[in-house]
Protein backbone atom coordinates (compact mmCIF):
# COMPACT_ATOMS: atom_id res chain seq x y z
CA MET A 1 -46.12 -14.07 55.29
CA GLY A 2 -45.32 -17.33 57.05
CA ARG A 3 -44.96 -19.20 53.77
CA ARG A 4 -42.40 -16.70 52.53
CA ALA A 5 -40.32 -17.17 55.68
CA THR A 6 -40.57 -20.94 55.24
CA ALA A 7 -39.45 -20.64 51.62
CA TYR A 8 -36.42 -18.57 52.66
CA GLY A 9 -35.60 -21.12 55.34
CA VAL A 10 -35.83 -24.04 52.91
CA PHE A 11 -33.72 -22.14 50.38
CA ALA A 12 -31.05 -21.36 52.99
CA GLY A 13 -31.03 -24.98 54.15
CA ILE A 14 -30.58 -26.30 50.62
CA MET A 15 -27.85 -23.76 49.88
CA GLY A 16 -26.03 -24.67 53.09
CA ALA A 17 -26.20 -28.39 52.34
CA ALA A 18 -25.04 -27.82 48.76
CA ALA A 19 -22.12 -25.71 49.99
CA LEU A 20 -21.12 -28.48 52.39
CA VAL A 21 -21.30 -31.17 49.70
CA GLY A 22 -19.52 -28.96 47.16
CA GLY A 23 -16.71 -28.15 49.56
CA ALA A 24 -16.26 -31.81 50.48
CA LEU A 25 -16.27 -32.83 46.80
CA ALA A 26 -13.72 -30.13 45.96
CA GLY A 27 -11.50 -31.27 48.81
CA VAL A 28 -11.62 -34.92 47.74
CA LEU A 29 -10.95 -34.02 44.11
CA TYR A 30 -8.07 -31.75 45.15
CA ASP A 31 -6.48 -34.66 46.99
CA ILE A 32 -6.93 -36.93 43.96
CA SER A 33 -6.00 -34.63 41.08
CA VAL A 34 -6.09 -30.87 40.52
CA PRO A 35 -6.71 -31.23 36.75
CA LEU A 36 -9.68 -33.50 37.55
CA LEU A 37 -10.98 -30.86 39.97
CA ILE A 38 -10.75 -28.24 37.22
CA VAL A 39 -12.59 -30.46 34.73
CA VAL A 40 -15.38 -31.29 37.21
CA VAL A 41 -15.85 -27.65 38.24
CA ALA A 42 -15.90 -26.53 34.60
CA GLY A 43 -18.48 -29.22 33.81
CA ILE A 44 -20.71 -28.19 36.70
CA GLN A 45 -20.46 -24.53 35.67
CA THR A 46 -21.33 -25.41 32.07
CA ALA A 47 -24.36 -27.39 33.24
CA ALA A 48 -25.46 -24.45 35.41
CA LEU A 49 -25.13 -22.06 32.46
CA ASP A 50 -27.15 -24.40 30.26
CA LEU A 51 -29.85 -24.61 32.93
CA LEU A 52 -29.92 -20.82 33.17
CA TRP A 53 -30.38 -20.48 29.39
CA VAL A 54 -33.19 -23.06 29.35
CA THR A 55 -34.92 -21.40 32.29
CA ARG A 56 -34.71 -17.95 30.72
CA ALA A 57 -35.98 -19.29 27.38
CA VAL A 58 -38.99 -20.91 29.06
CA ARG A 59 -39.78 -17.80 31.12
CA SER A 60 -39.57 -15.48 28.10
CA THR A 61 -41.94 -17.60 26.00
CA PRO A 62 -45.33 -15.82 25.81
CA VAL A 63 -48.31 -17.69 27.26
CA ARG A 64 -51.28 -18.08 24.93
């Protein structure tokens, strides 16, 4: 049970740090150029979607 709590804590810590970095990056990009912000966010979302597809493909492959 303790390992599960640790895993949730690590996950929450990583998500919090990523939210902080993402917000700071969005703020900097907004100050520089809104079109650049849109391009960067679209690129990150595309990469996340690609990662999701790869992960699902690997998980659905039967183990021999």
